[in-house]
PDB file of all heavy atoms in Angstrom:
ATOM      1  N   LYS A   1     -70.388 -56.277 -27.539  1.00  0.00           N
ATOM      2  CA  LYS A   1     -70.280 -55.291 -26.459  1.00  0.00           C
ATOM      3  C   LYS A   1     -69.230 -55.730 -25.443  1.00  0.00           C
ATOM      4  O   LYS A   1     -69.102 -55.140 -24.325  1.00  0.00           O
ATOM      5  CB  LYS A   1     -71.602 -55.103 -25.815  1.00  0.00           C
ATOM      6  CG  LYS A   1     -72.752 -54.559 -26.729  1.00  0.00           C
ATOM      7  CD  LYS A   1     -72.377 -53.175 -27.214  1.00  0.00           C
ATOM      8  CE  LYS A   1     -73.446 -52.634 -28.191  1.00  0.00           C
ATOM      9  NZ  LYS A   1     -74.658 -52.261 -27.470  1.00  0.00           N
ATOM     10  N   GLU A   2     -68.455 -56.765 -25.778  1.00  0.00           N
ATOM     11  CA  GLU A   2     -67.552 -57.349 -24.838  1.00  0.00           C
ATOM     12  C   GLU A   2     -66.569 -56.330 -24.275  1.00  0.00           C
ATOM     13  O   GLU A   2     -66.194 -56.330 -23.071  1.00  0.00           O
ATOM     14  CB  GLU A   2     -66.728 -58.482 -25.538  1.00  0.00           C
ATOM     15  CG  GLU A   2     -65.689 -59.156 -24.640  1.00  0.00           C
ATOM     16  CD  GLU A   2     -64.870 -60.186 -25.438  1.00  0.00           C
ATOM     17  OE1 GLU A   2     -65.199 -60.444 -26.623  1.00  0.00           O
ATOM     18  OE2 GLU A   2     -63.898 -60.776 -24.869  1.00  0.00           O
ATOM     19  N   LEU A   3     -66.070 -55.408 -25.099  1.00  0.00           N
ATOM     20  CA  LEU A   3     -65.020 -54.436 -24.736  1.00  0.00           C
ATOM     21  C   LEU A   3     -65.650 -53.067 -24.384  1.00  0.00           C
ATOM     22  O   LEU A   3     -64.933 -52.094 -24.144  1.00  0.00           O
ATOM     23  CB  LEU A   3     -63.996 -54.302 -25.787  1.00  0.00           C
ATOM     24  CG  LEU A   3     -63.106 -55.491 -26.111  1.00  0.00           C
ATOM     25  CD1 LEU A   3     -62.163 -55.186 -27.246  1.00  0.00           C
ATOM     26  CD2 LEU A   3     -62.378 -55.977 -24.864  1.00  0.00           C
ATOM     27  N   GLU A   4     -66.946 -52.938 -24.381  1.00  0.00           N
ATOM     28  CA  GLU A   4     -67.561 -51.640 -24.231  1.00  0.00           C
ATOM     29  C   GLU A   4     -67.168 -50.907 -22.951  1.00  0.00           C
ATOM     30  O   GLU A   4     -66.762 -49.673 -23.001  1.00  0.00           O
ATOM     31  CB  GLU A   4     -69.118 -51.730 -24.191  1.00  0.00           C
ATOM     32  CG  GLU A   4     -69.822 -50.338 -24.176  1.00  0.00           C
ATOM     33  CD  GLU A   4     -71.318 -50.498 -24.352  1.00  0.00           C
ATOM     34  OE1 GLU A   4     -71.869 -51.577 -24.172  1.00  0.00           O
ATOM     35  OE2 GLU A   4     -71.941 -49.469 -24.696  1.00  0.00           O
ATOM     36  N   SER A   5     -67.143 -51.509 -21.847  1.00  0.00           N
ATOM     37  CA  SER A   5     -66.716 -50.855 -20.603  1.00  0.00           C
ATOM     38  C   SER A   5     -65.319 -50.415 -20.628  1.00  0.00           C
ATOM     39  O   SER A   5     -64.920 -49.407 -20.119  1.00  0.00           O
ATOM     40  CB  SER A   5     -67.038 -51.763 -19.398  1.00  0.00           C
ATOM     41  OG  SER A   5     -66.343 -52.939 -19.444  1.00  0.00           O
ATOM     42  N   GLN A   6     -64.476 -51.289 -21.191  1.00  0.00           N
ATOM     43  CA  GLN A   6     -63.040 -50.964 -21.263  1.00  0.00           C
ATOM     44  C   GLN A   6     -62.773 -49.798 -22.252  1.00  0.00           C
ATOM     45  O   GLN A   6     -61.950 -48.949 -21.874  1.00  0.00           O
ATOM     46  CB  GLN A   6     -62.222 -52.213 -21.712  1.00  0.00           C
ATOM     47  CG  GLN A   6     -62.175 -53.315 -20.714  1.00  0.00           C
ATOM     48  CD  GLN A   6     -61.457 -54.543 -21.289  1.00  0.00           C
ATOM     49  OE1 GLN A   6     -62.140 -55.522 -21.677  1.00  0.00           O
ATOM     50  NE2 GLN A   6     -60.127 -54.471 -21.287  1.00  0.00           N
ATOM     51  N   ILE A   7     -63.393 -49.838 -23.360  1.00  0.00           N
ATOM     52  CA  ILE A   7     -63.202 -48.673 -24.323  1.00  0.00           C
ATOM     53  C   ILE A   7     -63.774 -47.386 -23.677  1.00  0.00           C
ATOM     54  O   ILE A   7     -63.098 -46.316 -23.747  1.00  0.00           O
ATOM     55  CB  ILE A   7     -63.942 -48.962 -25.652  1.00  0.00           C
ATOM     56  CG1 ILE A   7     -63.346 -50.163 -26.319  1.00  0.00           C
ATOM     57  CG2 ILE A   7     -63.810 -47.741 -26.543  1.00  0.00           C
ATOM     58  CD1 ILE A   7     -64.175 -50.675 -27.520  1.00  0.00           C
ATOM     59  N   GLN A   8     -64.940 -47.460 -23.070  1.00  0.00           N
ATOM     60  CA  GLN A   8     -65.528 -46.276 -22.386  1.00  0.00           C
ATOM     61  C   GLN A   8     -64.608 -45.778 -21.251  1.00  0.00           C
ATOM     62  O   GLN A   8     -64.402 -44.536 -21.150  1.00  0.00           O
ATOM     63  CB  GLN A   8     -66.907 -46.583 -21.878  1.00  0.00           C
ATOM     64  CG  GLN A   8     -67.663 -45.338 -21.446  1.00  0.00           C
ATOM     65  CD  GLN A   8     -67.914 -44.394 -22.610  1.00  0.00           C
ATOM     66  OE1 GLN A   8     -68.588 -44.781 -23.568  1.00  0.00           O
ATOM     67  NE2 GLN A   8     -67.441 -43.141 -22.509  1.00  0.00           N
ATOM     68  N   GLU A   9     -64.076 -46.645 -20.525  1.00  0.00           N
ATOM     69  CA  GLU A   9     -63.125 -46.223 -19.458  1.00  0.00           C
ATOM     70  C   GLU A   9     -61.856 -45.560 -20.023  1.00  0.00           C
ATOM     71  O   GLU A   9     -61.431 -44.529 -19.516  1.00  0.00           O
ATOM     72  CB  GLU A   9     -62.708 -47.419 -18.611  1.00  0.00           C
ATOM     73  CG  GLU A   9     -61.790 -47.072 -17.436  1.00  0.00           C
ATOM     74  CD  GLU A   9     -61.463 -48.258 -16.561  1.00  0.00           C
ATOM     75  OE1 GLU A   9     -62.158 -49.328 -16.700  1.00  0.00           O
ATOM     76  OE2 GLU A   9     -60.593 -48.160 -15.731  1.00  0.00           O
ATOM     77  N   GLU A  10     -61.358 -46.122 -21.126  1.00  0.00           N
ATOM     78  CA  GLU A  10     -60.201 -45.507 -21.793  1.00  0.00           C
ATOM     79  C   GLU A  10     -60.541 -44.090 -22.275  1.00  0.00           C
ATOM     80  O   GLU A  10     -59.728 -43.161 -22.100  1.00  0.00           O
ATOM     81  CB  GLU A  10     -59.799 -46.352 -22.980  1.00  0.00           C
ATOM     82  CG  GLU A  10     -58.489 -45.977 -23.671  1.00  0.00           C
ATOM     83  CD  GLU A  10     -57.252 -46.279 -22.841  1.00  0.00           C
ATOM     84  OE1 GLU A  10     -57.383 -47.072 -21.881  1.00  0.00           O
ATOM     85  OE2 GLU A  10     -56.195 -45.716 -23.157  1.00  0.00           O
ATOM     86  N   ILE A  11     -61.736 -43.907 -22.828  1.00  0.00           N
ATOM     87  CA  ILE A  11     -62.195 -42.572 -23.272  1.00  0.00           C
ATOM     88  C   ILE A  11     -62.334 -41.630 -22.118  1.00  0.00           C
ATOM     89  O   ILE A  11     -61.893 -40.479 -22.131  1.00  0.00           O
ATOM     90  CB  ILE A  11     -63.455 -42.697 -24.063  1.00  0.00           C
ATOM     91  CG1 ILE A  11     -63.274 -43.430 -25.386  1.00  0.00           C
ATOM     92  CG2 ILE A  11     -64.118 -41.345 -24.289  1.00  0.00           C
ATOM     93  CD1 ILE A  11     -64.558 -43.868 -26.053  1.00  0.00           C
ATOM     94  N   ASN A  12     -62.953 -42.099 -21.045  1.00  0.00           N
ATOM     95  CA  ASN A  12     -63.290 -41.263 -19.951  1.00  0.00           C
ATOM     96  C   ASN A  12     -62.044 -40.708 -19.167  1.00  0.00           C
ATOM     97  O   ASN A  12     -62.023 -39.647 -18.656  1.00  0.00           O
ATOM     98  CB  ASN A  12     -64.149 -41.979 -18.922  1.00  0.00           C
ATOM     99  CG  ASN A  12     -65.582 -42.210 -19.397  1.00  0.00           C
ATOM    100  OD1 ASN A  12     -66.009 -41.604 -20.372  1.00  0.00           O
ATOM    101  ND2 ASN A  12     -66.292 -43.119 -18.715  1.00  0.00           N
ATOM    102  N   PHE A  13     -60.943 -41.535 -19.188  1.00  0.00           N
ATOM    103  CA  PHE A  13     -59.780 -41.184 -18.432  1.00  0.00           C
ATOM    104  C   PHE A  13     -58.662 -40.508 -19.309  1.00  0.00           C
ATOM    105  O   PHE A  13     -57.566 -40.349 -18.811  1.00  0.00           O
ATOM    106  CB  PHE A  13     -59.221 -42.386 -17.652  1.00  0.00           C
ATOM    107  CG  PHE A  13     -60.103 -42.692 -16.499  1.00  0.00           C
ATOM    108  CD1 PHE A  13     -61.066 -43.738 -16.583  1.00  0.00           C
ATOM    109  CD2 PHE A  13     -60.050 -41.968 -15.345  1.00  0.00           C
ATOM    110  CE1 PHE A  13     -61.899 -43.994 -15.499  1.00  0.00           C
ATOM    111  CE2 PHE A  13     -60.840 -42.301 -14.220  1.00  0.00           C
ATOM    112  CZ  PHE A  13     -61.808 -43.295 -14.301  1.00  0.00           C
ATOM    113  N   LYS A  14     -59.015 -40.101 -20.498  1.00  0.00           N
ATOM    114  CA  LYS A  14     -58.104 -39.236 -21.223  1.00  0.00           C
ATOM    115  C   LYS A  14     -58.017 -37.865 -20.504  1.00  0.00           C
ATOM    116  O   LYS A  14     -58.895 -37.550 -19.658  1.00  0.00           O
ATOM    117  CB  LYS A  14     -58.622 -39.009 -22.647  1.00  0.00           C
ATOM    118  CG  LYS A  14     -58.657 -40.288 -23.512  1.00  0.00           C
ATOM    119  CD  LYS A  14     -57.280 -40.938 -23.734  1.00  0.00           C
ATOM    120  CE  LYS A  14     -57.389 -42.112 -24.689  1.00  0.00           C
ATOM    121  NZ  LYS A  14     -56.065 -42.726 -24.907  1.00  0.00           N
ATOM    122  N   THR A  15     -57.040 -37.059 -20.838  1.00  0.00           N
ATOM    123  CA  THR A  15     -56.781 -35.849 -20.070  1.00  0.00           C
ATOM    124  C   THR A  15     -57.742 -34.757 -20.573  1.00  0.00           C
ATOM    125  O   THR A  15     -57.422 -33.859 -21.279  1.00  0.00           O
ATOM    126  CB  THR A  15     -55.342 -35.325 -20.284  1.00  0.00           C
ATOM    127  OG1 THR A  15     -55.013 -35.408 -21.703  1.00  0.00           O
ATOM    128  CG2 THR A  15     -54.359 -36.194 -19.540  1.00  0.00           C
ATOM    129  N   LYS A  16     -59.017 -34.906 -20.102  1.00  0.00           N
ATOM    130  CA  LYS A  16     -60.110 -33.995 -20.454  1.00  0.00           C
ATOM    131  C   LYS A  16     -61.262 -34.317 -19.470  1.00  0.00           C
ATOM    132  O   LYS A  16     -61.336 -35.384 -18.846  1.00  0.00           O
ATOM    133  CB  LYS A  16     -60.571 -34.319 -21.876  1.00  0.00           C
ATOM    134  CG  LYS A  16     -61.055 -35.674 -22.059  1.00  0.00           C
ATOM    135  CD  LYS A  16     -61.674 -36.000 -23.350  1.00  0.00           C
ATOM    136  CE  LYS A  16     -62.181 -37.419 -23.436  1.00  0.00           C
ATOM    137  NZ  LYS A  16     -63.175 -37.759 -22.392  1.00  0.00           N
ATOM    138  N   PRO A  17     -62.154 -33.411 -19.311  1.00  0.00           N
ATOM    139  CA  PRO A  17     -63.380 -33.763 -18.569  1.00  0.00           C
ATOM    140  C   PRO A  17     -64.193 -34.790 -19.301  1.00  0.00           C
ATOM    141  O   PRO A  17     -64.165 -34.838 -20.524  1.00  0.00           O
ATOM    142  CB  PRO A  17     -64.141 -32.362 -18.560  1.00  0.00           C
ATOM    143  CG  PRO A  17     -63.134 -31.356 -18.848  1.00  0.00           C
ATOM    144  CD  PRO A  17     -62.144 -31.994 -19.690  1.00  0.00           C
ATOM    145  N   ILE A  18     -64.900 -35.613 -18.585  1.00  0.00           N
ATOM    146  CA  ILE A  18     -65.732 -36.676 -19.188  1.00  0.00           C
ATOM    147  C   ILE A  18     -66.707 -36.037 -20.162  1.00  0.00           C
ATOM    148  O   ILE A  18     -67.456 -35.103 -19.780  1.00  0.00           O
ATOM    149  CB  ILE A  18     -66.408 -37.498 -18.109  1.00  0.00           C
ATOM    150  CG1 ILE A  18     -65.350 -38.391 -17.402  1.00  0.00           C
ATOM    151  CG2 ILE A  18     -67.500 -38.386 -18.722  1.00  0.00           C
ATOM    152  CD1 ILE A  18     -65.945 -39.167 -16.265  1.00  0.00           C
ATOM    153  N   GLY A  19     -66.788 -36.571 -21.387  1.00  0.00           N
ATOM    154  CA  GLY A  19     -67.734 -36.087 -22.355  1.00  0.00           C
ATOM    155  C   GLY A  19     -67.326 -34.811 -23.085  1.00  0.00           C
ATOM    156  O   GLY A  19     -68.045 -34.285 -23.931  1.00  0.00           O
ATOM    157  N   ALA A  20     -66.106 -34.260 -22.766  1.00  0.00           N
ATOM    158  CA  ALA A  20     -65.746 -32.987 -23.342  1.00  0.00           C
ATOM    159  C   ALA A  20     -65.517 -32.977 -24.839  1.00  0.00           C
ATOM    160  O   ALA A  20     -65.499 -31.943 -25.446  1.00  0.00           O
ATOM    161  CB  ALA A  20     -64.487 -32.428 -22.612  1.00  0.00           C
ATOM    162  N   LEU A  21     -65.225 -34.196 -25.402  1.00  0.00           N
ATOM    163  CA  LEU A  21     -65.066 -34.272 -26.865  1.00  0.00           C
ATOM    164  C   LEU A  21     -66.354 -34.588 -27.578  1.00  0.00           C
ATOM    165  O   LEU A  21     -66.311 -34.894 -28.737  1.00  0.00           O
ATOM    166  CB  LEU A  21     -63.966 -35.220 -27.131  1.00  0.00           C
ATOM    167  CG  LEU A  21     -62.523 -34.796 -26.898  1.00  0.00           C
ATOM    168  CD1 LEU A  21     -61.537 -35.869 -27.161  1.00  0.00           C
ATOM    169  CD2 LEU A  21     -62.203 -33.534 -27.710  1.00  0.00           C
ATOM    170  N   GLY A  22     -67.432 -34.600 -26.825  1.00  0.00           N
ATOM    171  CA  GLY A  22     -68.795 -34.682 -27.468  1.00  0.00           C
ATOM    172  C   GLY A  22     -68.885 -35.892 -28.367  1.00  0.00           C
ATOM    173  O   GLY A  22     -68.653 -37.042 -27.971  1.00  0.00           O
ATOM    174  N   SER A  23     -69.381 -35.640 -29.616  1.00  0.00           N
ATOM    175  CA  SER A  23     -69.670 -36.725 -30.567  1.00  0.00           C
ATOM    176  C   SER A  23     -68.461 -37.528 -30.923  1.00  0.00           C
ATOM    177  O   SER A  23     -68.553 -38.696 -31.327  1.00  0.00           O
ATOM    178  CB  SER A  23     -70.341 -36.149 -31.838  1.00  0.00           C
ATOM    179  OG  SER A  23     -71.551 -35.573 -31.577  1.00  0.00           O
ATOM    180  N   LEU A  24     -67.268 -36.899 -30.819  1.00  0.00           N
ATOM    181  CA  LEU A  24     -66.050 -37.717 -31.111  1.00  0.00           C
ATOM    182  C   LEU A  24     -65.933 -38.921 -30.193  1.00  0.00           C
ATOM    183  O   LEU A  24     -65.405 -39.978 -30.626  1.00  0.00           O
ATOM    184  CB  LEU A  24     -64.807 -36.799 -30.951  1.00  0.00           C
ATOM    185  CG  LEU A  24     -64.720 -35.609 -31.950  1.00  0.00           C
ATOM    186  CD1 LEU A  24     -63.326 -34.953 -31.830  1.00  0.00           C
ATOM    187  CD2 LEU A  24     -65.013 -35.951 -33.366  1.00  0.00           C
ATOM    188  N   GLU A  25     -66.386 -38.764 -28.955  1.00  0.00           N
ATOM    189  CA  GLU A  25     -66.298 -39.879 -27.994  1.00  0.00           C
ATOM    190  C   GLU A  25     -67.234 -40.990 -28.394  1.00  0.00           C
ATOM    191  O   GLU A  25     -66.850 -42.164 -28.276  1.00  0.00           O
ATOM    192  CB  GLU A  25     -66.564 -39.366 -26.606  1.00  0.00           C
ATOM    193  CG  GLU A  25     -65.627 -38.297 -26.137  1.00  0.00           C
ATOM    194  CD  GLU A  25     -65.738 -37.988 -24.614  1.00  0.00           C
ATOM    195  OE1 GLU A  25     -66.401 -38.750 -23.881  1.00  0.00           O
ATOM    196  OE2 GLU A  25     -65.212 -36.930 -24.200  1.00  0.00           O
ATOM    197  N   ASN A  26     -68.405 -40.611 -28.898  1.00  0.00           N
ATOM    198  CA  ASN A  26     -69.347 -41.650 -29.339  1.00  0.00           C
ATOM    199  C   ASN A  26     -68.823 -42.383 -30.527  1.00  0.00           C
ATOM    200  O   ASN A  26     -69.016 -43.640 -30.654  1.00  0.00           O
ATOM    201  CB  ASN A  26     -70.660 -40.990 -29.731  1.00  0.00           C
ATOM    202  CG  ASN A  26     -71.332 -40.265 -28.575  1.00  0.00           C
ATOM    203  OD1 ASN A  26     -71.104 -40.619 -27.372  1.00  0.00           O
ATOM    204  ND2 ASN A  26     -72.126 -39.224 -28.825  1.00  0.00           N
ATOM    205  N   ILE A  27     -68.162 -41.656 -31.484  1.00  0.00           N
ATOM    206  CA  ILE A  27     -67.630 -42.361 -32.643  1.00  0.00           C
ATOM    207  C   ILE A  27     -66.492 -43.283 -32.260  1.00  0.00           C
ATOM    208  O   ILE A  27     -66.382 -44.341 -32.798  1.00  0.00           O
ATOM    209  CB  ILE A  27     -67.221 -41.294 -33.713  1.00  0.00           C
ATOM    210  CG1 ILE A  27     -68.431 -40.519 -34.185  1.00  0.00           C
ATOM    211  CG2 ILE A  27     -66.526 -41.944 -34.814  1.00  0.00           C
ATOM    212  CD1 ILE A  27     -68.034 -39.271 -34.911  1.00  0.00           C
ATOM    213  N   ALA A  28     -65.624 -42.764 -31.400  1.00  0.00           N
ATOM    214  CA  ALA A  28     -64.502 -43.660 -30.943  1.00  0.00           C
ATOM    215  C   ALA A  28     -64.996 -44.908 -30.344  1.00  0.00           C
ATOM    216  O   ALA A  28     -64.498 -46.000 -30.670  1.00  0.00           O
ATOM    217  CB  ALA A  28     -63.663 -42.894 -29.948  1.00  0.00           C
ATOM    218  N   LEU A  29     -66.052 -44.813 -29.503  1.00  0.00           N
ATOM    219  CA  LEU A  29     -66.654 -46.031 -28.937  1.00  0.00           C
ATOM    220  C   LEU A  29     -67.226 -46.920 -30.023  1.00  0.00           C
ATOM    221  O   LEU A  29     -66.979 -48.168 -29.963  1.00  0.00           O
ATOM    222  CB  LEU A  29     -67.664 -45.679 -27.866  1.00  0.00           C
ATOM    223  CG  LEU A  29     -68.480 -46.801 -27.230  1.00  0.00           C
ATOM    224  CD1 LEU A  29     -67.540 -47.762 -26.526  1.00  0.00           C
ATOM    225  CD2 LEU A  29     -69.515 -46.268 -26.312  1.00  0.00           C
ATOM    226  N   GLN A  30     -67.970 -46.372 -30.930  1.00  0.00           N
ATOM    227  CA  GLN A  30     -68.682 -47.111 -31.962  1.00  0.00           C
ATOM    228  C   GLN A  30     -67.626 -47.890 -32.828  1.00  0.00           C
ATOM    229  O   GLN A  30     -67.795 -49.070 -33.074  1.00  0.00           O
ATOM    230  CB  GLN A  30     -69.524 -46.294 -32.828  1.00  0.00           C
ATOM    231  CG  GLN A  30     -70.273 -47.027 -33.876  1.00  0.00           C
ATOM    232  CD  GLN A  30     -71.094 -46.088 -34.788  1.00  0.00           C
ATOM    233  OE1 GLN A  30     -71.113 -44.870 -34.672  1.00  0.00           O
ATOM    234  NE2 GLN A  30     -71.849 -46.740 -35.701  1.00  0.00           N
TER     235      GLN A  30
END
């Protein structure tokens, strides 16, 4: 889980509302 916060931050600050890509965001993090 060393990079979890960094990956999640990268996902969150893409040009979209947070969570707008739904399950795709979970898979990207996983």
